[in-house]
Amino acid sequence: MGKKYPLQRTLKDPTFDHIFKKAADLTICGMSNPSTASMYYIEPTNCKFRFNDLKEFIINNIGGYVYSRAKVKQIYDSSQNPASVGSQAMLKFMQAYGSNSETVLGEILLYVFLEQVLNAPKIMSKFEIDAKNGEIRSKCDGIYLLSTTKYQQPFHQLVFGASDIVGNLTLAIDRAFDKIVEIESNADSELLMVENTPQWTIFDEDTTEYMVKLMRPQSSEDHKPDMAFGIFLGYTIPTINESDSLTYEAKVKEQLIKDINGIQSYIAEKIKNLKLAGYNFHFYIMPFNNAPEDKVNIISEMLYGGCR
């Protein structure tokens, strides 16, 4: 297959750890397939989450989210200017999402966490899936490839994305699982979508060859990838009555650890009740001041400028 894992990440931003702070990691208990949940937060100032750095991070990396690898290379080769990739992508992003920002932030942050933290390069982002409207019908918020080893053999998971940002964390979980059930029930079509990606000239030659062999193994020793799920959840953090900034952040972390521990058994029950125990799940969760308002304002401010 040429290189071991030629599908390279499109997002490797060293500023990630300065912007996204990790509060907790845990493994969902009682699962036959290991599933994990991680809680991140934006460092608060004056007892409030401020999202200017988050917006700048997204804008700086919008090219990798909007465009395929082949398109990024084409734009760069024609201009010899890396900034032109971002500026063209931002224009395309504005044209597509100028009047609809309800779901976009969750889809972008799903991309950010799956690439940057899980180390699962995108096959297609939600933006690319939407751009192929008419050619494919997908229920997912993006598809990613996680390449690891299992029993000392190469092991691959096609990670299908689901995201939701809403005020209540339990509701966000419910809504994400509604989407996961749709994806799983549509599995044949979703997998066929991935199988067809080499036809869409979104990869370079080596990666196209790799994806063909990955999805259509020629050797009895090779196996098709498993299906897995990557989930981004955003919610409104419970009120913390504290006016000192340092104490506030400490209490934020305490609250987030409490929140993630509190949903562990709920997620496990959802997986069991929905008969999804045969899949791996990768959860990334982040609090907002007011999730329904923030998710709209962040995208609006990215598109049209201004700070609120």
C-alpha atoms as a PDB file:
ATOM      1  CA  MET A   1       0.000   0.000   0.000  1.00  0.00           C
ATOM      2  CA  GLY A   2       2.944   2.344  -0.382  1.00  0.00           C
ATOM      3  CA  LYS A   3       3.279   4.501   2.719  1.00  0.00           C
ATOM      4  CA  LYS A   4       1.917   2.973   5.891  1.00  0.00           C
ATOM      5  CA  TYR A   5      -0.786   5.590   6.485  1.00  0.00           C
ATOM      6  CA  PRO A   6      -0.694   8.016   3.536  1.00  0.00           C
ATOM      7  CA  LEU A   7      -3.921   9.757   4.502  1.00  0.00           C
ATOM      8  CA  GLN A   8      -2.315  12.682   6.297  1.00  0.00           C
ATOM      9  CA  ARG A   9      -4.011  15.067   8.717  1.00  0.00           C
ATOM     10  CA  THR A  10      -5.154  18.383   7.313  1.00  0.00           C
ATOM     11  CA  LEU A  11      -4.991  20.064  10.738  1.00  0.00           C
ATOM     12  CA  LYS A  12      -1.814  20.275  12.818  1.00  0.00           C
ATOM     13  CA  ASP A  13      -2.005  23.618  14.574  1.00  0.00           C
ATOM     14  CA  PRO A  14       0.456  24.091  17.468  1.00  0.00           C
ATOM     15  CA  THR A  15      -1.793  26.769  19.002  1.00  0.00           C
ATOM     16  CA  PHE A  16      -4.482  24.172  19.788  1.00  0.00           C
ATOM     17  CA  ASP A  17      -3.207  23.471  23.319  1.00  0.00           C
ATOM     18  CA  HIS A  18      -3.116  27.189  24.118  1.00  0.00           C
ATOM     19  CA  ILE A  19      -6.767  27.632  23.175  1.00  0.00           C
ATOM     20  CA  PHE A  20      -8.430  24.344  24.129  1.00  0.00           C
ATOM     21  CA  LYS A  21      -7.765  23.276  27.724  1.00  0.00           C
ATOM     22  CA  LYS A  22      -8.401  19.672  28.724  1.00  0.00           C
ATOM     23  CA  ALA A  23     -10.408  19.197  31.916  1.00  0.00           C
ATOM     24  CA  ALA A  24     -10.889  15.425  31.961  1.00  0.00           C
ATOM     25  CA  ASP A  25     -10.563  12.147  30.059  1.00  0.00           C
ATOM     26  CA  LEU A  26     -12.414   8.948  30.837  1.00  0.00           C
ATOM     27  CA  THR A  27     -13.201   5.541  29.418  1.00  0.00           C
ATOM     28  CA  ILE A  28     -16.915   4.709  29.330  1.00  0.00           C
ATOM     29  CA  CYS A  29     -17.317   1.853  31.812  1.00  0.00           C
ATOM     30  CA  GLY A  30     -18.980  -1.444  30.996  1.00  0.00           C
ATOM     31  CA  MET A  31     -18.358  -1.389  27.251  1.00  0.00           C
ATOM     32  CA  SER A  32     -17.012  -4.421  25.371  1.00  0.00           C
ATOM     33  CA  ASN A  33     -15.500  -2.008  22.836  1.00  0.00           C
ATOM     34  CA  PRO A  34     -13.455   0.786  24.446  1.00  0.00           C
ATOM     35  CA  SER A  35     -15.225   4.127  24.183  1.00  0.00           C
ATOM     36  CA  THR A  36     -13.857   7.389  25.511  1.00  0.00           C
ATOM     37  CA  ALA A  37     -15.041  10.860  26.453  1.00  0.00           C
ATOM     38  CA  SER A  38     -12.917  13.997  26.824  1.00  0.00           C
ATOM     39  CA  MET A  39     -13.949  17.357  28.232  1.00  0.00           C
ATOM     40  CA  TYR A  40     -12.271  20.539  26.959  1.00  0.00           C
ATOM     41  CA  TYR A  41     -12.920  24.209  27.656  1.00  0.00           C
ATOM     42  CA  ILE A  42     -11.837  27.646  26.504  1.00  0.00           C
ATOM     43  CA  GLU A  43      -9.901  29.452  29.238  1.00  0.00           C
ATOM     44  CA  PRO A  44     -12.289  31.953  30.855  1.00  0.00           C
ATOM     45  CA  THR A  45     -11.436  35.592  31.504  1.00  0.00           C
ATOM     46  CA  ASN A  46     -13.410  37.745  33.925  1.00  0.00           C
ATOM     47  CA  CYS A  47     -15.520  34.697  34.764  1.00  0.00           C
ATOM     48  CA  LYS A  48     -16.744  34.153  31.212  1.00  0.00           C
ATOM     49  CA  PHE A  49     -15.672  32.126  28.196  1.00  0.00           C
ATOM     50  CA  ARG A  50     -14.309  34.424  25.477  1.00  0.00           C
ATOM     51  CA  PHE A  51     -14.220  33.023  21.947  1.00  0.00           C
ATOM     52  CA  ASN A  52     -11.986  35.412  19.971  1.00  0.00           C
ATOM     53  CA  ASP A  53      -9.071  32.950  19.937  1.00  0.00           C
ATOM     54  CA  LEU A  54     -11.425  30.129  18.967  1.00  0.00           C
ATOM     55  CA  LYS A  55     -12.748  32.143  16.025  1.00  0.00           C
ATOM     56  CA  GLU A  56      -9.208  32.989  14.916  1.00  0.00           C
ATOM     57  CA  PHE A  57      -8.222  29.309  15.175  1.00  0.00           C
ATOM     58  CA  ILE A  58     -11.139  28.252  12.964  1.00  0.00           C
ATOM     59  CA  ILE A  59     -10.469  31.002  10.403  1.00  0.00           C
ATOM     60  CA  ASN A  60      -6.780  30.037  10.229  1.00  0.00           C
ATOM     61  CA  ASN A  61      -7.721  26.421   9.528  1.00  0.00           C
ATOM     62  CA  ILE A  62     -10.849  26.862   7.429  1.00  0.00           C
ATOM     63  CA  GLY A  63      -9.082  25.803   4.228  1.00  0.00           C
ATOM     64  CA  GLY A  64      -8.540  22.251   5.456  1.00  0.00           C
ATOM     65  CA  TYR A  65     -12.168  21.984   6.506  1.00  0.00           C
ATOM     66  CA  VAL A  66     -13.741  23.402   3.347  1.00  0.00           C
ATOM     67  CA  TYR A  67     -11.470  21.975   0.655  1.00  0.00           C
ATOM     68  CA  SER A  68     -10.232  18.518  -0.237  1.00  0.00           C
ATOM     69  CA  ARG A  69      -6.487  17.885  -0.172  1.00  0.00           C
ATOM     70  CA  ALA A  70      -6.401  17.926  -3.974  1.00  0.00           C
ATOM     71  CA  LYS A  71      -8.193  21.292  -4.102  1.00  0.00           C
ATOM     72  CA  VAL A  72      -5.864  22.814  -1.497  1.00  0.00           C
ATOM     73  CA  LYS A  73      -2.877  21.700  -3.586  1.00  0.00           C
ATOM     74  CA  GLN A  74      -4.458  23.067  -6.758  1.00  0.00           C
ATOM     75  CA  ILE A  75      -5.081  26.495  -5.203  1.00  0.00           C
ATOM     76  CA  TYR A  76      -1.596  26.640  -3.714  1.00  0.00           C
ATOM     77  CA  ASP A  77       0.108  25.510  -6.941  1.00  0.00           C
ATOM     78  CA  SER A  78      -1.718  28.153  -8.966  1.00  0.00           C
ATOM     79  CA  SER A  79      -1.062  31.023  -6.546  1.00  0.00           C
ATOM     80  CA  GLN A  80       2.110  29.983  -4.660  1.00  0.00           C
ATOM     81  CA  ASN A  81       0.535  31.815  -1.738  1.00  0.00           C
ATOM     82  CA  PRO A  82      -0.693  29.789   1.282  1.00  0.00           C
ATOM     83  CA  ALA A  83      -2.983  32.668   2.317  1.00  0.00           C
ATOM     84  CA  SER A  84      -5.008  32.274  -0.880  1.00  0.00           C
ATOM     85  CA  VAL A  85      -6.229  28.855   0.303  1.00  0.00           C
ATOM     86  CA  GLY A  86      -7.706  30.383   3.444  1.00  0.00           C
ATOM     87  CA  SER A  87      -9.174  33.444   1.735  1.00  0.00           C
ATOM     88  CA  GLN A  88     -10.878  31.402  -0.996  1.00  0.00           C
ATOM     89  CA  ALA A  89     -12.123  28.879   1.554  1.00  0.00           C
ATOM     90  CA  MET A  90     -13.557  31.648   3.727  1.00  0.00           C
ATOM     91  CA  LEU A  91     -15.412  33.098   0.756  1.00  0.00           C
ATOM     92  CA  LYS A  92     -16.827  29.673  -0.109  1.00  0.00           C
ATOM     93  CA  PHE A  93     -17.752  29.141   3.525  1.00  0.00           C
ATOM     94  CA  MET A  94     -19.584  32.482   3.657  1.00  0.00           C
ATOM     95  CA  GLN A  95     -21.502  31.694   0.474  1.00  0.00           C
ATOM     96  CA  ALA A  96     -22.592  28.311   1.827  1.00  0.00           C
ATOM     97  CA  TYR A  97     -23.422  29.223   5.424  1.00  0.00           C
ATOM     98  CA  GLY A  98     -24.252  32.917   5.343  1.00  0.00           C
ATOM     99  CA  SER A  99     -27.896  32.281   6.180  1.00  0.00           C
ATOM    100  CA  ASN A 100     -27.641  29.044   8.189  1.00  0.00           C
ATOM    101  CA  SER A 101     -25.366  28.873  11.209  1.00  0.00           C
ATOM    102  CA  GLU A 102     -27.333  26.591  13.546  1.00  0.00           C
ATOM    103  CA  THR A 103     -25.282  23.425  13.053  1.00  0.00           C
ATOM    104  CA  VAL A 104     -22.033  24.694  11.562  1.00  0.00           C
ATOM    105  CA  LEU A 105     -19.951  25.285  14.691  1.00  0.00           C
ATOM    106  CA  GLY A 106     -20.499  21.752  15.978  1.00  0.00           C
ATOM    107  CA  GLU A 107     -19.519  20.293  12.593  1.00  0.00           C
ATOM    108  CA  ILE A 108     -16.317  22.371  12.493  1.00  0.00           C
ATOM    109  CA  LEU A 109     -15.347  21.565  16.096  1.00  0.00           C
ATOM    110  CA  LEU A 110     -15.957  17.879  15.367  1.00  0.00           C
ATOM    111  CA  TYR A 111     -13.387  18.226  12.557  1.00  0.00           C
ATOM    112  CA  VAL A 112     -10.983  20.025  14.890  1.00  0.00           C
ATOM    113  CA  PHE A 113     -11.105  17.427  17.658  1.00  0.00           C
ATOM    114  CA  LEU A 114     -11.085  14.332  15.461  1.00  0.00           C
ATOM    115  CA  GLU A 115      -8.066  15.539  13.507  1.00  0.00           C
ATOM    116  CA  GLN A 116      -6.134  17.352  16.211  1.00  0.00           C
ATOM    117  CA  VAL A 117      -6.807  15.104  19.217  1.00  0.00           C
ATOM    118  CA  LEU A 118      -7.944  11.699  17.947  1.00  0.00           C
ATOM    119  CA  ASN A 119      -5.408  11.863  15.099  1.00  0.00           C
ATOM    120  CA  ALA A 120      -8.052  10.739  12.614  1.00  0.00           C
ATOM    121  CA  PRO A 121      -7.570  12.534   9.264  1.00  0.00           C
ATOM    122  CA  LYS A 122     -10.710  13.527   7.428  1.00  0.00           C
ATOM    123  CA  ILE A 123     -11.880  11.638   4.402  1.00  0.00           C
ATOM    124  CA  MET A 124     -14.595  14.210   3.857  1.00  0.00           C
ATOM    125  CA  SER A 125     -15.794  17.008   6.128  1.00  0.00           C
ATOM    126  CA  LYS A 126     -19.483  17.850   6.460  1.00  0.00           C
ATOM    127  CA  PHE A 127     -18.847  20.844   4.215  1.00  0.00           C
ATOM    128  CA  GLU A 128     -17.472  18.595   1.449  1.00  0.00           C
ATOM    129  CA  ILE A 129     -20.358  16.160   1.845  1.00  0.00           C
ATOM    130  CA  ASP A 130     -22.863  19.010   1.532  1.00  0.00           C
ATOM    131  CA  ALA A 131     -20.986  20.367  -1.503  1.00  0.00           C
ATOM    132  CA  LYS A 132     -21.607  17.057  -3.289  1.00  0.00           C
ATOM    133  CA  ASN A 133     -25.347  17.423  -2.868  1.00  0.00           C
ATOM    134  CA  GLY A 134     -27.023  15.128  -5.372  1.00  0.00           C
ATOM    135  CA  GLU A 135     -24.068  12.743  -5.685  1.00  0.00           C
ATOM    136  CA  ILE A 136     -24.252  11.323  -2.156  1.00  0.00           C
ATOM    137  CA  ARG A 137     -26.791  11.025   0.611  1.00  0.00           C
ATOM    138  CA  SER A 138     -25.114  10.913   3.992  1.00  0.00           C
ATOM    139  CA  LYS A 139     -26.511  11.293   7.495  1.00  0.00           C
ATOM    140  CA  CYS A 140     -23.126  12.010   9.085  1.00  0.00           C
ATOM    141  CA  ASP A 141     -21.333  15.238  10.008  1.00  0.00           C
ATOM    142  CA  GLY A 142     -18.085  14.136   8.383  1.00  0.00           C
ATOM    143  CA  ILE A 143     -16.081  10.961   7.958  1.00  0.00           C
ATOM    144  CA  TYR A 144     -12.573  10.330   9.256  1.00  0.00           C
ATOM    145  CA  LEU A 145     -10.010   7.526   9.232  1.00  0.00           C
ATOM    146  CA  LEU A 146      -8.421   6.330  12.479  1.00  0.00           C
ATOM    147  CA  SER A 147      -5.405   4.107  11.786  1.00  0.00           C
ATOM    148  CA  THR A 148      -3.872   2.229  14.712  1.00  0.00           C
ATOM    149  CA  THR A 149      -2.703  -1.295  15.504  1.00  0.00           C
ATOM    150  CA  LYS A 150      -4.592  -4.166  17.090  1.00  0.00           C
ATOM    151  CA  TYR A 151      -2.997  -7.501  17.978  1.00  0.00           C
ATOM    152  CA  GLN A 152       0.170  -6.081  16.371  1.00  0.00           C
ATOM    153  CA  GLN A 153      -1.644  -5.713  13.039  1.00  0.00           C
ATOM    154  CA  PRO A 154      -2.768  -2.531  11.245  1.00  0.00           C
ATOM    155  CA  PHE A 155      -6.302  -1.675  12.323  1.00  0.00           C
ATOM    156  CA  HIS A 156      -8.548   0.968  10.798  1.00  0.00           C
ATOM    157  CA  GLN A 157     -11.799   2.603  11.817  1.00  0.00           C
ATOM    158  CA  LEU A 158     -13.998   4.750   9.617  1.00  0.00           C
ATOM    159  CA  VAL A 159     -15.146   7.314  12.158  1.00  0.00           C
ATOM    160  CA  PHE A 160     -18.541   8.749  11.241  1.00  0.00           C
ATOM    161  CA  GLY A 161     -19.245  12.094  12.861  1.00  0.00           C
ATOM    162  CA  ALA A 162     -22.222  13.434  14.781  1.00  0.00           C
ATOM    163  CA  SER A 163     -22.399  16.789  16.540  1.00  0.00           C
ATOM    164  CA  ASP A 164     -24.824  18.865  18.536  1.00  0.00           C
ATOM    165  CA  ILE A 165     -24.652  22.090  20.545  1.00  0.00           C
ATOM    166  CA  VAL A 166     -27.632  22.769  22.799  1.00  0.00           C
ATOM    167  CA  GLY A 167     -28.222  24.120  26.297  1.00  0.00           C
ATOM    168  CA  ASN A 168     -28.607  20.802  28.127  1.00  0.00           C
ATOM    169  CA  LEU A 169     -25.848  18.166  27.960  1.00  0.00           C
ATOM    170  CA  THR A 170     -28.222  15.211  28.281  1.00  0.00           C
ATOM    171  CA  LEU A 171     -30.312  16.591  25.424  1.00  0.00           C
ATOM    172  CA  ALA A 172     -27.169  17.042  23.321  1.00  0.00           C
ATOM    173  CA  ILE A 173     -26.353  13.350  23.921  1.00  0.00           C
ATOM    174  CA  ASP A 174     -29.875  12.307  22.946  1.00  0.00           C
ATOM    175  CA  ARG A 175     -29.807  14.342  19.749  1.00  0.00           C
ATOM    176  CA  ALA A 176     -26.365  13.060  18.781  1.00  0.00           C
ATOM    177  CA  PHE A 177     -27.509   9.466  19.302  1.00  0.00           C
ATOM    178  CA  ASP A 178     -30.576  10.138  17.132  1.00  0.00           C
ATOM    179  CA  LYS A 179     -28.141  10.996  14.368  1.00  0.00           C
ATOM    180  CA  ILE A 180     -25.920   7.992  15.140  1.00  0.00           C
ATOM    181  CA  VAL A 181     -28.904   5.650  14.847  1.00  0.00           C
ATOM    182  CA  GLU A 182     -29.668   7.163  11.442  1.00  0.00           C
ATOM    183  CA  ILE A 183     -26.047   6.718  10.333  1.00  0.00           C
ATOM    184  CA  GLU A 184     -25.928   3.118  11.560  1.00  0.00           C
ATOM    185  CA  SER A 185     -29.222   2.213   9.898  1.00  0.00           C
ATOM    186  CA  ASN A 186     -27.858   3.792   6.702  1.00  0.00           C
ATOM    187  CA  ALA A 187     -24.510   1.967   7.065  1.00  0.00           C
ATOM    188  CA  ASP A 188     -24.442   0.345   3.629  1.00  0.00           C
ATOM    189  CA  SER A 189     -24.885   3.707   1.895  1.00  0.00           C
ATOM    190  CA  GLU A 190     -22.402   5.434   4.212  1.00  0.00           C
ATOM    191  CA  LEU A 191     -19.733   2.807   3.543  1.00  0.00           C
ATOM    192  CA  LEU A 192     -20.428   2.945  -0.179  1.00  0.00           C
ATOM    193  CA  MET A 193     -19.868   6.699  -0.001  1.00  0.00           C
ATOM    194  CA  VAL A 194     -16.380   6.091   1.378  1.00  0.00           C
ATOM    195  CA  GLU A 195     -15.750   3.353  -1.165  1.00  0.00           C
ATOM    196  CA  ASN A 196     -16.598   5.825  -3.937  1.00  0.00           C
ATOM    197  CA  THR A 197     -14.337   8.663  -2.731  1.00  0.00           C
ATOM    198  CA  PRO A 198     -11.420   7.638  -5.012  1.00  0.00           C
ATOM    199  CA  GLN A 199     -13.674   8.476  -7.990  1.00  0.00           C
ATOM    200  CA  TRP A 200     -14.042  12.108  -6.865  1.00  0.00           C
ATOM    201  CA  THR A 201     -10.392  13.202  -7.270  1.00  0.00           C
ATOM    202  CA  ILE A 202     -10.230  14.531  -3.714  1.00  0.00           C
ATOM    203  CA  PHE A 203      -6.932  12.763  -2.937  1.00  0.00           C
ATOM    204  CA  ASP A 204      -3.506  12.672  -4.536  1.00  0.00           C
ATOM    205  CA  GLU A 205      -2.524   9.611  -6.558  1.00  0.00           C
ATOM    206  CA  ASP A 206      -0.877   7.661  -3.722  1.00  0.00           C
ATOM    207  CA  THR A 207      -3.732   8.305  -1.313  1.00  0.00           C
ATOM    208  CA  THR A 208      -6.325   7.360  -3.917  1.00  0.00           C
ATOM    209  CA  GLU A 209      -4.565   4.034  -4.429  1.00  0.00           C
ATOM    210  CA  TYR A 210      -4.394   3.535  -0.688  1.00  0.00           C
ATOM    211  CA  MET A 211      -8.108   4.229  -0.200  1.00  0.00           C
ATOM    212  CA  VAL A 212      -9.053   1.802  -2.992  1.00  0.00           C
ATOM    213  CA  LYS A 213      -7.029  -0.981  -1.380  1.00  0.00           C
ATOM    214  CA  LEU A 214      -8.288  -0.088   2.087  1.00  0.00           C
ATOM    215  CA  MET A 215     -11.942  -0.310   1.090  1.00  0.00           C
ATOM    216  CA  ARG A 216     -11.488  -3.248  -1.306  1.00  0.00           C
ATOM    217  CA  PRO A 217      -8.839  -5.502   0.248  1.00  0.00           C
ATOM    218  CA  GLN A 218      -7.047  -7.728  -2.231  1.00  0.00           C
ATOM    219  CA  SER A 219      -5.392  -9.974   0.330  1.00  0.00           C
ATOM    220  CA  SER A 220      -7.056 -12.353   2.790  1.00  0.00           C
ATOM    221  CA  GLU A 221      -4.775 -10.868   5.462  1.00  0.00           C
ATOM    222  CA  ASP A 222      -6.263  -7.413   4.986  1.00  0.00           C
ATOM    223  CA  HIS A 223      -9.646  -6.436   6.407  1.00  0.00           C
ATOM    224  CA  LYS A 224     -12.098  -3.671   5.672  1.00  0.00           C
ATOM    225  CA  PRO A 225     -12.165  -0.935   8.318  1.00  0.00           C
ATOM    226  CA  ASP A 226     -14.574  -1.110  11.224  1.00  0.00           C
ATOM    227  CA  MET A 227     -17.250   1.545  11.578  1.00  0.00           C
ATOM    228  CA  ALA A 228     -16.940   3.842  14.609  1.00  0.00           C
ATOM    229  CA  PHE A 229     -18.446   7.135  15.770  1.00  0.00           C
ATOM    230  CA  GLY A 230     -16.902  10.481  16.665  1.00  0.00           C
ATOM    231  CA  ILE A 231     -19.131  12.907  18.539  1.00  0.00           C
ATOM    232  CA  PHE A 232     -18.781  16.581  19.449  1.00  0.00           C
ATOM    233  CA  LEU A 233     -21.163  17.918  22.087  1.00  0.00           C
ATOM    234  CA  GLY A 234     -21.557  21.497  23.278  1.00  0.00           C
ATOM    235  CA  TYR A 235     -23.738  22.620  26.178  1.00  0.00           C
ATOM    236  CA  THR A 236     -24.354  25.507  28.571  1.00  0.00           C
ATOM    237  CA  ILE A 237     -22.250  25.248  31.712  1.00  0.00           C
ATOM    238  CA  PRO A 238     -24.248  25.431  34.967  1.00  0.00           C
ATOM    239  CA  THR A 239     -24.095  28.799  36.752  1.00  0.00           C
ATOM    240  CA  ILE A 240     -20.975  29.278  38.861  1.00  0.00           C
ATOM    241  CA  ASN A 241     -21.325  32.077  41.413  1.00  0.00           C
ATOM    242  CA  GLU A 242     -17.759  33.316  41.680  1.00  0.00           C
ATOM    243  CA  SER A 243     -16.295  36.744  40.858  1.00  0.00           C
ATOM    244  CA  ASP A 244     -12.582  35.958  41.255  1.00  0.00           C
ATOM    245  CA  SER A 245     -11.117  34.818  37.922  1.00  0.00           C
ATOM    246  CA  LEU A 246      -8.662  32.213  39.241  1.00  0.00           C
ATOM    247  CA  THR A 247     -11.200  30.696  41.595  1.00  0.00           C
ATOM    248  CA  TYR A 248     -13.772  30.738  38.801  1.00  0.00           C
ATOM    249  CA  GLU A 249     -11.571  28.678  36.474  1.00  0.00           C
ATOM    250  CA  ALA A 250     -10.857  26.162  39.243  1.00  0.00           C
ATOM    251  CA  LYS A 251     -14.593  25.811  39.842  1.00  0.00           C
ATOM    252  CA  VAL A 252     -15.187  25.479  36.091  1.00  0.00           C
ATOM    253  CA  LYS A 253     -12.841  22.493  35.999  1.00  0.00           C
ATOM    254  CA  GLU A 254     -14.547  20.979  39.038  1.00  0.00           C
ATOM    255  CA  GLN A 255     -17.928  21.394  37.350  1.00  0.00           C
ATOM    256  CA  LEU A 256     -16.729  19.884  34.078  1.00  0.00           C
ATOM    257  CA  ILE A 257     -15.296  16.840  35.821  1.00  0.00           C
ATOM    258  CA  LYS A 258     -18.592  16.464  37.658  1.00  0.00           C
ATOM    259  CA  ASP A 259     -20.524  16.815  34.381  1.00  0.00           C
ATOM    260  CA  ILE A 260     -18.491  14.267  32.442  1.00  0.00           C
ATOM    261  CA  ASN A 261     -18.600  11.749  35.286  1.00  0.00           C
ATOM    262  CA  GLY A 262     -22.339  12.335  35.581  1.00  0.00           C
ATOM    263  CA  ILE A 263     -23.063  11.408  31.961  1.00  0.00           C
ATOM    264  CA  GLN A 264     -20.857   8.332  31.807  1.00  0.00           C
ATOM    265  CA  SER A 265     -23.534   5.835  32.855  1.00  0.00           C
ATOM    266  CA  TYR A 266     -26.131   7.614  30.696  1.00  0.00           C
ATOM    267  CA  ILE A 267     -23.963   7.209  27.581  1.00  0.00           C
ATOM    268  CA  ALA A 268     -23.309   3.555  28.433  1.00  0.00           C
ATOM    269  CA  GLU A 269     -27.049   2.892  28.787  1.00  0.00           C
ATOM    270  CA  LYS A 270     -27.768   4.649  25.477  1.00  0.00           C
ATOM    271  CA  ILE A 271     -25.201   2.483  23.706  1.00  0.00           C
ATOM    272  CA  LYS A 272     -26.616  -0.715  25.197  1.00  0.00           C
ATOM    273  CA  ASN A 273     -30.292   0.176  24.739  1.00  0.00           C
ATOM    274  CA  LEU A 274     -29.748   1.183  21.121  1.00  0.00           C
ATOM    275  CA  LYS A 275     -27.820  -2.060  20.468  1.00  0.00           C
ATOM    276  CA  LEU A 276     -24.675  -0.194  19.480  1.00  0.00           C
ATOM    277  CA  ALA A 277     -22.258  -2.042  21.768  1.00  0.00           C
ATOM    278  CA  GLY A 278     -20.353  -3.392  18.758  1.00  0.00           C
ATOM    279  CA  TYR A 279     -18.997   0.078  17.947  1.00  0.00           C
ATOM    280  CA  ASN A 280     -16.307   2.336  19.378  1.00  0.00           C
ATOM    281  CA  PHE A 281     -17.320   5.870  20.373  1.00  0.00           C
ATOM    282  CA  HIS A 282     -15.046   8.904  20.696  1.00  0.00           C
ATOM    283  CA  PHE A 283     -16.767  11.799  22.531  1.00  0.00           C
ATOM    284  CA  TYR A 284     -15.448  15.377  22.728  1.00  0.00           C
ATOM    285  CA  ILE A 285     -17.423  17.779  24.906  1.00  0.00           C
ATOM    286  CA  MET A 286     -17.108  21.524  25.485  1.00  0.00           C
ATOM    287  CA  PRO A 287     -19.060  24.045  27.581  1.00  0.00           C
ATOM    288  CA  PHE A 288     -20.355  27.438  26.487  1.00  0.00           C
ATOM    289  CA  ASN A 289     -21.724  30.437  28.379  1.00  0.00           C
ATOM    290  CA  ASN A 290     -25.046  30.082  26.573  1.00  0.00           C
ATOM    291  CA  ALA A 291     -24.758  27.314  23.987  1.00  0.00           C
ATOM    292  CA  PRO A 292     -27.749  28.181  21.750  1.00  0.00           C
ATOM    293  CA  GLU A 293     -26.663  31.829  21.487  1.00  0.00           C
ATOM    294  CA  ASP A 294     -22.911  31.265  21.373  1.00  0.00           C
ATOM    295  CA  LYS A 295     -23.009  28.747  18.505  1.00  0.00           C
ATOM    296  CA  VAL A 296     -24.834  31.273  16.300  1.00  0.00           C
ATOM    297  CA  ASN A 297     -22.835  34.320  17.404  1.00  0.00           C
ATOM    298  CA  ILE A 298     -19.433  32.681  16.885  1.00  0.00           C
ATOM    299  CA  ILE A 299     -20.212  31.774  13.275  1.00  0.00           C
ATOM    300  CA  SER A 300     -21.899  35.119  12.617  1.00  0.00           C
ATOM    301  CA  GLU A 301     -18.892  37.020  13.964  1.00  0.00           C
ATOM    302  CA  MET A 302     -16.533  34.876  11.871  1.00  0.00           C
ATOM    303  CA  LEU A 303     -18.530  35.641   8.745  1.00  0.00           C
ATOM    304  CA  TYR A 304     -19.328  39.288   9.280  1.00  0.00           C
ATOM    305  CA  GLY A 305     -16.850  40.506  11.902  1.00  0.00           C
ATOM    306  CA  GLY A 306     -17.461  42.146  15.244  1.00  0.00           C
ATOM    307  CA  CYS A 307     -17.217  40.873  18.797  1.00  0.00           C
ATOM    308  CA  ARG A 308     -19.993  40.431  21.308  1.00  0.00           C
END
